[in-house]
Amino acid sequence: MRVGVDLGGTKIEAVVMDHASQIVARQRRPTPRDDYTRILDTIAELVGAVEADVTAGPLPVGIGTPGSLSPATGRLRNSNTVVMNGQPFVADIQSRLDREVRIANDANCLTLSEASDGAAAGCGVVFGVILGTGCGGGVVVDGRLRAGANGVGGEWGHNPLPWPDPADAQESPGHVCWCGRRGCMETYLSGTGLALEYQRSGGSEITGQQVIERAEAGEAHALAVRERYAHRLARGLASIINLLDPDAIVLGGGLSNVDWLYARVPELWQQWVFSDVIHTRLLRARHGDSSGVRGAAWLWPST
């Protein structure tokens, strides 16, 4: 058995996964996102709680978190839970738990989970995408996570939106991203980006989920925004197919629940993929919201 922890922006979740890859214990608490010390305390408390639930411990622990570890400093960087940035997170949590802990980006964890026993099980090359509050990606090849030499493997959301439409004022020169650059795919393809597109193009201030609900109800403005979203997602994923040529692309996060995307995006991406045939499959994460925490547990082999 092993413990997986998903350190999210709104909640921290811990599970115990058994030898058969079944979740046998689960606990979650709100993320104290402005208090680094309290985040450490909460993770330690959750790990202890799920171990107690199965009367076992100490178990191997894997943690998925936004951002990644700097190879230069060993400290966390690029996390949208900004209080985590620059902190010696690995050293601190290992001290709290008194054991080795494995850490990976949350999108990497989703991808590892879905390539291990999820929607893309058995595929050689898998690209995983989180379409949620932010927009991240991960790469798994032959069952192994590829974080890369710089620890940024799969950081798809902070590449510019490819093939921008010069006639679209929203795409050129592109929106300013929280990372300081312009035109990042995250500013278009996250749930936040979808909501802002609706507002900027004349709609009211609503959430990305409400945009989808209005589109499904037939609202003309929401339908147009959804179609632009599909075009942008198709371009973004076409760039991945041209680069990695994956067997499967798996979508996670809140926008992965939009059924319409799985037919529409492959129809659209054909015009940008540099091939006369496209066998890459676009798949919904089988484990849904649990993919990240399961992938954190998968950072350790079954024990």
C-alpha atoms as a PDB file:
ATOM      1  CA  MET A   1       0.000   0.000   0.000  1.00  0.00           C
ATOM      2  CA  ARG A   2       1.007   3.617  -0.511  1.00  0.00           C
ATOM      3  CA  VAL A   3      -0.341   7.092   0.204  1.00  0.00           C
ATOM      4  CA  GLY A   4      -1.135   9.673  -2.458  1.00  0.00           C
ATOM      5  CA  VAL A   5      -1.650  13.345  -1.628  1.00  0.00           C
ATOM      6  CA  ASP A   6      -3.161  15.924  -3.980  1.00  0.00           C
ATOM      7  CA  LEU A   7      -2.204  19.448  -2.908  1.00  0.00           C
ATOM      8  CA  GLY A   8      -4.780  21.587  -4.675  1.00  0.00           C
ATOM      9  CA  GLY A   9      -5.585  25.253  -4.567  1.00  0.00           C
ATOM     10  CA  THR A  10      -8.848  24.710  -2.671  1.00  0.00           C
ATOM     11  CA  LYS A  11      -8.438  21.302  -1.042  1.00  0.00           C
ATOM     12  CA  ILE A  12      -5.795  18.826   0.069  1.00  0.00           C
ATOM     13  CA  GLU A  13      -6.753  15.187  -0.353  1.00  0.00           C
ATOM     14  CA  ALA A  14      -4.966  12.063   0.850  1.00  0.00           C
ATOM     15  CA  VAL A  15      -5.738   8.449  -0.054  1.00  0.00           C
ATOM     16  CA  VAL A  16      -4.345   5.006   0.571  1.00  0.00           C
ATOM     17  CA  MET A  17      -4.109   2.852  -2.571  1.00  0.00           C
ATOM     18  CA  ASP A  18      -3.773  -0.897  -2.098  1.00  0.00           C
ATOM     19  CA  HIS A  19      -1.938  -3.595  -4.074  1.00  0.00           C
ATOM     20  CA  ALA A  20      -4.869  -3.886  -6.502  1.00  0.00           C
ATOM     21  CA  SER A  21      -4.820  -0.099  -7.117  1.00  0.00           C
ATOM     22  CA  GLN A  22      -8.048   0.385  -5.186  1.00  0.00           C
ATOM     23  CA  ILE A  23      -8.612   3.384  -2.910  1.00  0.00           C
ATOM     24  CA  VAL A  24      -9.173   1.990   0.589  1.00  0.00           C
ATOM     25  CA  ALA A  25      -9.041   5.227   2.606  1.00  0.00           C
ATOM     26  CA  ARG A  26      -9.679   8.871   1.769  1.00  0.00           C
ATOM     27  CA  GLN A  27      -9.542  12.135   3.710  1.00  0.00           C
ATOM     28  CA  ARG A  28      -9.668  15.763   2.545  1.00  0.00           C
ATOM     29  CA  ARG A  29      -9.486  19.230   4.048  1.00  0.00           C
ATOM     30  CA  PRO A  30      -9.540  22.821   2.742  1.00  0.00           C
ATOM     31  CA  THR A  31      -6.156  24.172   1.659  1.00  0.00           C
ATOM     32  CA  PRO A  32      -4.858  26.946   3.953  1.00  0.00           C
ATOM     33  CA  ARG A  33      -3.391  28.494   0.812  1.00  0.00           C
ATOM     34  CA  ASP A  34      -1.916  31.597   2.465  1.00  0.00           C
ATOM     35  CA  ASP A  35      -0.069  29.757   5.240  1.00  0.00           C
ATOM     36  CA  TYR A  36       2.879  27.544   4.253  1.00  0.00           C
ATOM     37  CA  THR A  37       3.388  26.107   7.732  1.00  0.00           C
ATOM     38  CA  ARG A  38      -0.279  25.217   7.997  1.00  0.00           C
ATOM     39  CA  ILE A  39      -0.130  23.473   4.596  1.00  0.00           C
ATOM     40  CA  LEU A  40       2.670  21.271   5.934  1.00  0.00           C
ATOM     41  CA  ASP A  41       0.648  20.578   9.088  1.00  0.00           C
ATOM     42  CA  THR A  42      -2.453  19.679   7.087  1.00  0.00           C
ATOM     43  CA  ILE A  43      -0.594  17.248   4.835  1.00  0.00           C
ATOM     44  CA  ALA A  44       1.012  15.549   7.837  1.00  0.00           C
ATOM     45  CA  GLU A  45      -2.344  15.299   9.617  1.00  0.00           C
ATOM     46  CA  LEU A  46      -4.052  13.834   6.548  1.00  0.00           C
ATOM     47  CA  VAL A  47      -1.316  11.263   5.995  1.00  0.00           C
ATOM     48  CA  GLY A  48      -1.606  10.184   9.618  1.00  0.00           C
ATOM     49  CA  ALA A  49      -5.394  10.012   9.343  1.00  0.00           C
ATOM     50  CA  VAL A  50      -5.511   7.755   6.263  1.00  0.00           C
ATOM     51  CA  GLU A  51      -2.799   5.506   7.688  1.00  0.00           C
ATOM     52  CA  ALA A  52      -4.864   5.169  10.853  1.00  0.00           C
ATOM     53  CA  ASP A  53      -7.932   4.338   8.754  1.00  0.00           C
ATOM     54  CA  VAL A  54      -6.161   1.245   7.411  1.00  0.00           C
ATOM     55  CA  THR A  55      -4.224   0.585  10.633  1.00  0.00           C
ATOM     56  CA  ALA A  56      -0.946   0.791   8.767  1.00  0.00           C
ATOM     57  CA  GLY A  57       2.088   3.028   8.646  1.00  0.00           C
ATOM     58  CA  PRO A  58       4.373   4.543   7.915  1.00  0.00           C
ATOM     59  CA  LEU A  59       3.561   4.019   4.225  1.00  0.00           C
ATOM     60  CA  PRO A  60       5.347   5.428   1.145  1.00  0.00           C
ATOM     61  CA  VAL A  61       3.992   8.894   0.299  1.00  0.00           C
ATOM     62  CA  GLY A  62       3.722  10.631  -3.072  1.00  0.00           C
ATOM     63  CA  ILE A  63       2.505  14.210  -3.430  1.00  0.00           C
ATOM     64  CA  GLY A  64       1.142  15.991  -6.483  1.00  0.00           C
ATOM     65  CA  THR A  65       1.297  19.779  -6.455  1.00  0.00           C
ATOM     66  CA  PRO A  66       1.011  22.664  -8.904  1.00  0.00           C
ATOM     67  CA  GLY A  67       4.436  23.843  -9.986  1.00  0.00           C
ATOM     68  CA  SER A  68       7.652  21.850 -10.033  1.00  0.00           C
ATOM     69  CA  LEU A  69      10.939  21.485  -8.198  1.00  0.00           C
ATOM     70  CA  SER A  70      13.876  23.552  -9.418  1.00  0.00           C
ATOM     71  CA  PRO A  71      16.863  21.351 -10.310  1.00  0.00           C
ATOM     72  CA  ALA A  72      19.078  24.273  -9.230  1.00  0.00           C
ATOM     73  CA  THR A  73      17.670  24.894  -5.749  1.00  0.00           C
ATOM     74  CA  GLY A  74      15.418  21.934  -4.966  1.00  0.00           C
ATOM     75  CA  ARG A  75      12.725  24.434  -4.038  1.00  0.00           C
ATOM     76  CA  LEU A  76       9.218  24.671  -5.427  1.00  0.00           C
ATOM     77  CA  ARG A  77       8.567  27.107  -8.296  1.00  0.00           C
ATOM     78  CA  ASN A  78       5.716  28.110 -10.607  1.00  0.00           C
ATOM     79  CA  SER A  79       2.962  27.108  -8.172  1.00  0.00           C
ATOM     80  CA  ASN A  80      -0.297  29.040  -8.345  1.00  0.00           C
ATOM     81  CA  THR A  81      -0.497  28.530  -4.579  1.00  0.00           C
ATOM     82  CA  VAL A  82       2.073  31.284  -4.425  1.00  0.00           C
ATOM     83  CA  VAL A  83       2.975  30.851  -0.759  1.00  0.00           C
ATOM     84  CA  MET A  84       4.655  27.571  -1.797  1.00  0.00           C
ATOM     85  CA  ASN A  85       7.066  29.182  -4.245  1.00  0.00           C
ATOM     86  CA  GLY A  86      10.668  29.327  -3.112  1.00  0.00           C
ATOM     87  CA  GLN A  87      10.038  26.996  -0.188  1.00  0.00           C
ATOM     88  CA  PRO A  88      12.147  23.866   0.587  1.00  0.00           C
ATOM     89  CA  PHE A  89       8.958  21.831   0.419  1.00  0.00           C
ATOM     90  CA  VAL A  90      10.512  18.391  -0.019  1.00  0.00           C
ATOM     91  CA  ALA A  91      12.901  18.787   2.903  1.00  0.00           C
ATOM     92  CA  ASP A  92      10.178  20.256   5.106  1.00  0.00           C
ATOM     93  CA  ILE A  93       7.521  17.615   4.447  1.00  0.00           C
ATOM     94  CA  GLN A  94      10.044  14.777   4.727  1.00  0.00           C
ATOM     95  CA  SER A  95      11.033  16.162   8.118  1.00  0.00           C
ATOM     96  CA  ARG A  96       7.378  16.300   9.193  1.00  0.00           C
ATOM     97  CA  LEU A  97       6.650  12.755   8.017  1.00  0.00           C
ATOM     98  CA  ASP A  98      10.073  11.304   8.905  1.00  0.00           C
ATOM     99  CA  ARG A  99      10.417   9.433   5.602  1.00  0.00           C
ATOM    100  CA  GLU A 100      11.314   9.898   1.943  1.00  0.00           C
ATOM    101  CA  VAL A 101       8.536  11.584  -0.045  1.00  0.00           C
ATOM    102  CA  ARG A 102       8.201  11.714  -3.836  1.00  0.00           C
ATOM    103  CA  ILE A 103       6.869  14.893  -5.447  1.00  0.00           C
ATOM    104  CA  ALA A 104       5.510  15.552  -8.940  1.00  0.00           C
ATOM    105  CA  ASN A 105       3.514  18.196 -10.757  1.00  0.00           C
ATOM    106  CA  ASP A 106      -0.250  17.655 -10.522  1.00  0.00           C
ATOM    107  CA  ALA A 107      -0.655  17.308 -14.305  1.00  0.00           C
ATOM    108  CA  ASN A 108       2.153  14.749 -14.333  1.00  0.00           C
ATOM    109  CA  CYS A 109       0.289  12.811 -11.645  1.00  0.00           C
ATOM    110  CA  LEU A 110      -2.922  12.843 -13.679  1.00  0.00           C
ATOM    111  CA  THR A 111      -1.040  11.572 -16.727  1.00  0.00           C
ATOM    112  CA  LEU A 112       0.734   8.837 -14.779  1.00  0.00           C
ATOM    113  CA  SER A 113      -2.548   7.684 -13.283  1.00  0.00           C
ATOM    114  CA  GLU A 114      -4.363   7.512 -16.597  1.00  0.00           C
ATOM    115  CA  ALA A 115      -1.433   5.792 -18.338  1.00  0.00           C
ATOM    116  CA  SER A 116      -1.099   3.244 -15.523  1.00  0.00           C
ATOM    117  CA  ASP A 117      -4.665   1.988 -15.123  1.00  0.00           C
ATOM    118  CA  GLY A 118      -6.904   4.657 -16.589  1.00  0.00           C
ATOM    119  CA  ALA A 119      -8.198   5.722 -19.983  1.00  0.00           C
ATOM    120  CA  ALA A 120      -4.769   5.396 -21.664  1.00  0.00           C
ATOM    121  CA  ALA A 121      -3.628   2.148 -20.039  1.00  0.00           C
ATOM    122  CA  GLY A 122      -1.430   0.202 -22.460  1.00  0.00           C
ATOM    123  CA  CYS A 123      -0.538   3.210 -24.603  1.00  0.00           C
ATOM    124  CA  GLY A 124       3.124   3.851 -25.342  1.00  0.00           C
ATOM    125  CA  VAL A 125       3.107   7.658 -25.377  1.00  0.00           C
ATOM    126  CA  VAL A 126       0.491   9.590 -23.407  1.00  0.00           C
ATOM    127  CA  PHE A 127       0.022  13.331 -23.049  1.00  0.00           C
ATOM    128  CA  GLY A 128      -2.226  14.405 -20.186  1.00  0.00           C
ATOM    129  CA  VAL A 129      -3.886  17.799 -19.849  1.00  0.00           C
ATOM    130  CA  ILE A 130      -5.546  19.549 -16.928  1.00  0.00           C
ATOM    131  CA  LEU A 131      -8.195  22.022 -18.070  1.00  0.00           C
ATOM    132  CA  GLY A 132      -9.225  23.591 -14.781  1.00  0.00           C
ATOM    133  CA  THR A 133      -8.447  26.787 -12.922  1.00  0.00           C
ATOM    134  CA  GLY A 134      -5.094  26.595 -14.706  1.00  0.00           C
ATOM    135  CA  CYS A 135      -3.858  24.620 -17.681  1.00  0.00           C
ATOM    136  CA  GLY A 136      -1.060  22.069 -17.349  1.00  0.00           C
ATOM    137  CA  GLY A 137       0.268  18.979 -19.061  1.00  0.00           C
ATOM    138  CA  GLY A 138       2.342  15.871 -18.478  1.00  0.00           C
ATOM    139  CA  VAL A 139       4.117  13.194 -20.514  1.00  0.00           C
ATOM    140  CA  VAL A 140       4.352   9.443 -19.886  1.00  0.00           C
ATOM    141  CA  VAL A 141       6.376   7.168 -22.187  1.00  0.00           C
ATOM    142  CA  ASP A 142       6.190   3.380 -21.808  1.00  0.00           C
ATOM    143  CA  GLY A 143       4.668   3.755 -18.370  1.00  0.00           C
ATOM    144  CA  ARG A 144       7.322   6.154 -17.063  1.00  0.00           C
ATOM    145  CA  LEU A 145       6.787   9.783 -16.199  1.00  0.00           C
ATOM    146  CA  ARG A 146       9.082  12.155 -18.113  1.00  0.00           C
ATOM    147  CA  ALA A 147       9.690  15.276 -16.053  1.00  0.00           C
ATOM    148  CA  GLY A 148      12.670  16.268 -18.226  1.00  0.00           C
ATOM    149  CA  ALA A 149      16.167  17.642 -17.668  1.00  0.00           C
ATOM    150  CA  ASN A 150      14.787  20.959 -16.408  1.00  0.00           C
ATOM    151  CA  GLY A 151      11.781  19.550 -14.571  1.00  0.00           C
ATOM    152  CA  VAL A 152       9.284  21.187 -16.924  1.00  0.00           C
ATOM    153  CA  GLY A 153       8.297  18.284 -19.176  1.00  0.00           C
ATOM    154  CA  GLY A 154       4.737  18.800 -20.390  1.00  0.00           C
ATOM    155  CA  GLU A 155       4.479  22.472 -19.315  1.00  0.00           C
ATOM    156  CA  TRP A 156       2.162  23.047 -22.226  1.00  0.00           C
ATOM    157  CA  GLY A 157      -0.030  25.775 -20.750  1.00  0.00           C
ATOM    158  CA  HIS A 158       2.790  28.334 -20.728  1.00  0.00           C
ATOM    159  CA  ASN A 159       3.561  28.034 -24.413  1.00  0.00           C
ATOM    160  CA  PRO A 160       1.883  30.576 -26.684  1.00  0.00           C
ATOM    161  CA  LEU A 161      -1.373  29.744 -28.401  1.00  0.00           C
ATOM    162  CA  PRO A 162      -0.253  28.426 -31.824  1.00  0.00           C
ATOM    163  CA  TRP A 163      -1.413  29.786 -35.166  1.00  0.00           C
ATOM    164  CA  PRO A 164      -3.099  32.915 -33.730  1.00  0.00           C
ATOM    165  CA  ASP A 165      -5.837  34.393 -35.864  1.00  0.00           C
ATOM    166  CA  PRO A 166      -4.741  37.919 -36.911  1.00  0.00           C
ATOM    167  CA  ALA A 167      -8.392  38.878 -37.310  1.00  0.00           C
ATOM    168  CA  ASP A 168      -9.165  37.958 -33.700  1.00  0.00           C
ATOM    169  CA  ALA A 169      -8.327  40.846 -31.369  1.00  0.00           C
ATOM    170  CA  GLN A 170      -8.323  38.416 -28.416  1.00  0.00           C
ATOM    171  CA  GLU A 171      -5.473  36.362 -29.908  1.00  0.00           C
ATOM    172  CA  SER A 172      -3.020  38.988 -31.111  1.00  0.00           C
ATOM    173  CA  PRO A 173      -0.914  40.100 -29.276  1.00  0.00           C
ATOM    174  CA  GLY A 174      -2.517  37.873 -26.659  1.00  0.00           C
ATOM    175  CA  HIS A 175      -3.579  38.259 -23.056  1.00  0.00           C
ATOM    176  CA  VAL A 176      -1.083  38.892 -20.266  1.00  0.00           C
ATOM    177  CA  CYS A 177      -0.564  35.713 -18.227  1.00  0.00           C
ATOM    178  CA  TRP A 178       0.213  35.554 -14.503  1.00  0.00           C
ATOM    179  CA  CYS A 179       3.668  34.219 -15.486  1.00  0.00           C
ATOM    180  CA  GLY A 180       4.468  37.628 -17.031  1.00  0.00           C
ATOM    181  CA  ARG A 181       4.281  36.617 -20.700  1.00  0.00           C
ATOM    182  CA  ARG A 182       1.594  37.186 -23.306  1.00  0.00           C
ATOM    183  CA  GLY A 183      -0.562  34.707 -25.179  1.00  0.00           C
ATOM    184  CA  CYS A 184      -0.034  31.627 -22.982  1.00  0.00           C
ATOM    185  CA  MET A 185      -2.513  28.853 -23.700  1.00  0.00           C
ATOM    186  CA  GLU A 186      -3.557  28.930 -20.051  1.00  0.00           C
ATOM    187  CA  THR A 187      -5.129  32.345 -20.611  1.00  0.00           C
ATOM    188  CA  TYR A 188      -7.445  30.800 -23.234  1.00  0.00           C
ATOM    189  CA  LEU A 189      -7.918  27.141 -22.307  1.00  0.00           C
ATOM    190  CA  SER A 190      -8.344  27.202 -18.534  1.00  0.00           C
ATOM    191  CA  GLY A 191     -11.813  27.517 -17.034  1.00  0.00           C
ATOM    192  CA  THR A 192     -10.800  31.023 -16.012  1.00  0.00           C
ATOM    193  CA  GLY A 193      -9.828  31.822 -19.591  1.00  0.00           C
ATOM    194  CA  LEU A 194     -13.157  30.523 -20.902  1.00  0.00           C
ATOM    195  CA  ALA A 195     -15.065  32.730 -18.465  1.00  0.00           C
ATOM    196  CA  LEU A 196     -13.006  35.787 -19.424  1.00  0.00           C
ATOM    197  CA  GLU A 197     -13.581  35.114 -23.141  1.00  0.00           C
ATOM    198  CA  TYR A 198     -17.325  35.146 -22.549  1.00  0.00           C
ATOM    199  CA  GLN A 199     -17.074  38.430 -20.652  1.00  0.00           C
ATOM    200  CA  ARG A 200     -14.638  40.145 -23.039  1.00  0.00           C
ATOM    201  CA  SER A 201     -16.819  39.335 -26.036  1.00  0.00           C
ATOM    202  CA  GLY A 202     -19.869  41.043 -24.584  1.00  0.00           C
ATOM    203  CA  GLY A 203     -21.235  38.637 -22.002  1.00  0.00           C
ATOM    204  CA  SER A 204     -21.762  38.957 -18.268  1.00  0.00           C
ATOM    205  CA  GLU A 205     -19.321  37.930 -15.570  1.00  0.00           C
ATOM    206  CA  ILE A 206     -19.970  34.212 -15.030  1.00  0.00           C
ATOM    207  CA  THR A 207     -17.884  31.080 -14.440  1.00  0.00           C
ATOM    208  CA  GLY A 208     -16.499  28.783 -17.121  1.00  0.00           C
ATOM    209  CA  GLN A 209     -18.941  26.079 -15.998  1.00  0.00           C
ATOM    210  CA  GLN A 210     -21.831  28.497 -16.466  1.00  0.00           C
ATOM    211  CA  VAL A 211     -20.599  29.290 -19.982  1.00  0.00           C
ATOM    212  CA  ILE A 212     -20.812  25.577 -20.811  1.00  0.00           C
ATOM    213  CA  GLU A 213     -24.253  25.287 -19.231  1.00  0.00           C
ATOM    214  CA  ARG A 214     -25.528  28.239 -21.261  1.00  0.00           C
ATOM    215  CA  ALA A 215     -24.074  26.745 -24.446  1.00  0.00           C
ATOM    216  CA  GLU A 216     -25.804  23.439 -23.754  1.00  0.00           C
ATOM    217  CA  ALA A 217     -29.040  25.383 -23.225  1.00  0.00           C
ATOM    218  CA  GLY A 218     -28.612  26.917 -26.700  1.00  0.00           C
ATOM    219  CA  GLU A 219     -27.562  30.481 -25.884  1.00  0.00           C
ATOM    220  CA  ALA A 220     -26.049  31.908 -29.084  1.00  0.00           C
ATOM    221  CA  HIS A 221     -23.272  33.887 -27.386  1.00  0.00           C
ATOM    222  CA  ALA A 222     -22.179  30.934 -25.258  1.00  0.00           C
ATOM    223  CA  LEU A 223     -22.234  28.638 -28.291  1.00  0.00           C
ATOM    224  CA  ALA A 224     -19.917  31.012 -30.183  1.00  0.00           C
ATOM    225  CA  VAL A 225     -17.542  31.192 -27.210  1.00  0.00           C
ATOM    226  CA  ARG A 226     -17.544  27.401 -26.907  1.00  0.00           C
ATOM    227  CA  GLU A 227     -16.724  27.032 -30.597  1.00  0.00           C
ATOM    228  CA  ARG A 228     -13.786  29.456 -30.300  1.00  0.00           C
ATOM    229  CA  TYR A 229     -12.604  27.481 -27.287  1.00  0.00           C
ATOM    230  CA  ALA A 230     -12.681  24.236 -29.303  1.00  0.00           C
ATOM    231  CA  HIS A 231     -10.676  25.847 -32.130  1.00  0.00           C
ATOM    232  CA  ARG A 232      -8.025  27.030 -29.685  1.00  0.00           C
ATOM    233  CA  LEU A 233      -7.856  23.679 -27.892  1.00  0.00           C
ATOM    234  CA  ALA A 234      -7.536  21.908 -31.266  1.00  0.00           C
ATOM    235  CA  ARG A 235      -4.602  24.146 -32.235  1.00  0.00           C
ATOM    236  CA  GLY A 236      -2.925  23.634 -28.889  1.00  0.00           C
ATOM    237  CA  LEU A 237      -3.266  19.854 -29.042  1.00  0.00           C
ATOM    238  CA  ALA A 238      -2.228  19.741 -32.720  1.00  0.00           C
ATOM    239  CA  SER A 239       1.091  21.262 -31.682  1.00  0.00           C
ATOM    240  CA  ILE A 240       1.517  18.396 -29.203  1.00  0.00           C
ATOM    241  CA  ILE A 241       0.696  15.779 -31.852  1.00  0.00           C
ATOM    242  CA  ASN A 242       3.244  17.352 -34.187  1.00  0.00           C
ATOM    243  CA  LEU A 243       5.877  17.220 -31.448  1.00  0.00           C
ATOM    244  CA  LEU A 244       5.232  13.981 -29.506  1.00  0.00           C
ATOM    245  CA  ASP A 245       2.901  12.047 -31.827  1.00  0.00           C
ATOM    246  CA  PRO A 246       1.205  10.453 -28.797  1.00  0.00           C
ATOM    247  CA  ASP A 247      -1.023   7.412 -28.865  1.00  0.00           C
ATOM    248  CA  ALA A 248      -3.504   9.205 -26.635  1.00  0.00           C
ATOM    249  CA  ILE A 249      -4.234  12.614 -25.171  1.00  0.00           C
ATOM    250  CA  VAL A 250      -6.175  12.468 -21.905  1.00  0.00           C
ATOM    251  CA  LEU A 251      -8.160  15.416 -20.590  1.00  0.00           C
ATOM    252  CA  GLY A 252      -8.714  16.083 -16.896  1.00  0.00           C
ATOM    253  CA  GLY A 253     -10.005  19.029 -14.893  1.00  0.00           C
ATOM    254  CA  GLY A 254     -13.444  20.588 -14.913  1.00  0.00           C
ATOM    255  CA  LEU A 255     -13.628  21.238 -18.657  1.00  0.00           C
ATOM    256  CA  SER A 256     -12.799  17.601 -19.409  1.00  0.00           C
ATOM    257  CA  ASN A 257     -16.458  16.873 -18.590  1.00  0.00           C
ATOM    258  CA  VAL A 258     -17.691  18.666 -21.726  1.00  0.00           C
ATOM    259  CA  ASP A 259     -18.767  15.718 -23.894  1.00  0.00           C
ATOM    260  CA  TRP A 260     -18.983  17.806 -27.071  1.00  0.00           C
ATOM    261  CA  LEU A 261     -15.217  18.469 -27.096  1.00  0.00           C
ATOM    262  CA  TYR A 262     -14.306  14.819 -27.726  1.00  0.00           C
ATOM    263  CA  ALA A 263     -15.966  14.849 -31.130  1.00  0.00           C
ATOM    264  CA  ARG A 264     -15.425  18.464 -32.128  1.00  0.00           C
ATOM    265  CA  VAL A 265     -11.727  18.910 -31.298  1.00  0.00           C
ATOM    266  CA  PRO A 266     -10.500  15.912 -33.396  1.00  0.00           C
ATOM    267  CA  GLU A 267     -12.597  17.228 -36.287  1.00  0.00           C
ATOM    268  CA  LEU A 268     -10.789  20.539 -36.029  1.00  0.00           C
ATOM    269  CA  TRP A 269      -7.198  19.506 -35.287  1.00  0.00           C
ATOM    270  CA  GLN A 270      -6.781  17.767 -38.650  1.00  0.00           C
ATOM    271  CA  GLN A 271      -6.042  21.076 -40.408  1.00  0.00           C
ATOM    272  CA  TRP A 272      -2.994  21.734 -38.185  1.00  0.00           C
ATOM    273  CA  VAL A 273      -1.518  18.243 -37.730  1.00  0.00           C
ATOM    274  CA  PHE A 274       1.384  17.639 -40.113  1.00  0.00           C
ATOM    275  CA  SER A 275       0.191  14.209 -41.243  1.00  0.00           C
ATOM    276  CA  ASP A 276      -2.287  12.710 -43.674  1.00  0.00           C
ATOM    277  CA  VAL A 277      -3.596  10.367 -40.969  1.00  0.00           C
ATOM    278  CA  ILE A 278      -4.248  10.949 -37.266  1.00  0.00           C
ATOM    279  CA  HIS A 279      -4.533   7.929 -35.000  1.00  0.00           C
ATOM    280  CA  THR A 280      -4.111   9.868 -31.744  1.00  0.00           C
ATOM    281  CA  ARG A 281      -7.171   9.393 -29.517  1.00  0.00           C
ATOM    282  CA  LEU A 282      -8.667  12.172 -27.382  1.00  0.00           C
ATOM    283  CA  LEU A 283      -9.896  10.611 -24.128  1.00  0.00           C
ATOM    284  CA  ARG A 284     -11.585  11.679 -20.921  1.00  0.00           C
ATOM    285  CA  ALA A 285      -9.739  10.793 -17.711  1.00  0.00           C
ATOM    286  CA  ARG A 286     -11.248   7.537 -16.436  1.00  0.00           C
ATOM    287  CA  HIS A 287     -10.596   8.351 -12.800  1.00  0.00           C
ATOM    288  CA  GLY A 288     -11.966  11.887 -12.991  1.00  0.00           C
ATOM    289  CA  ASP A 289     -11.166  14.069  -9.996  1.00  0.00           C
ATOM    290  CA  SER A 290      -9.258  11.175  -8.411  1.00  0.00           C
ATOM    291  CA  SER A 291      -6.655  10.951 -11.179  1.00  0.00           C
ATOM    292  CA  GLY A 292      -4.277  13.416  -9.522  1.00  0.00           C
ATOM    293  CA  VAL A 293      -4.268  11.795  -6.108  1.00  0.00           C
ATOM    294  CA  ARG A 294      -4.030   8.308  -7.641  1.00  0.00           C
ATOM    295  CA  GLY A 295      -1.094   9.447  -9.765  1.00  0.00           C
ATOM    296  CA  ALA A 296       0.649  10.730  -6.629  1.00  0.00           C
ATOM    297  CA  ALA A 297       0.324   7.243  -5.147  1.00  0.00           C
ATOM    298  CA  TRP A 298       1.623   5.769  -8.424  1.00  0.00           C
ATOM    299  CA  LEU A 299       4.900   7.664  -7.851  1.00  0.00           C
ATOM    300  CA  TRP A 300       5.737   4.588  -5.762  1.00  0.00           C
ATOM    301  CA  PRO A 301       5.518   1.033  -7.096  1.00  0.00           C
ATOM    302  CA  SER A 302       3.013  -1.250  -5.416  1.00  0.00           C
ATOM    303  CA  THR A 303       4.355  -2.417  -2.060  1.00  0.00           C
END
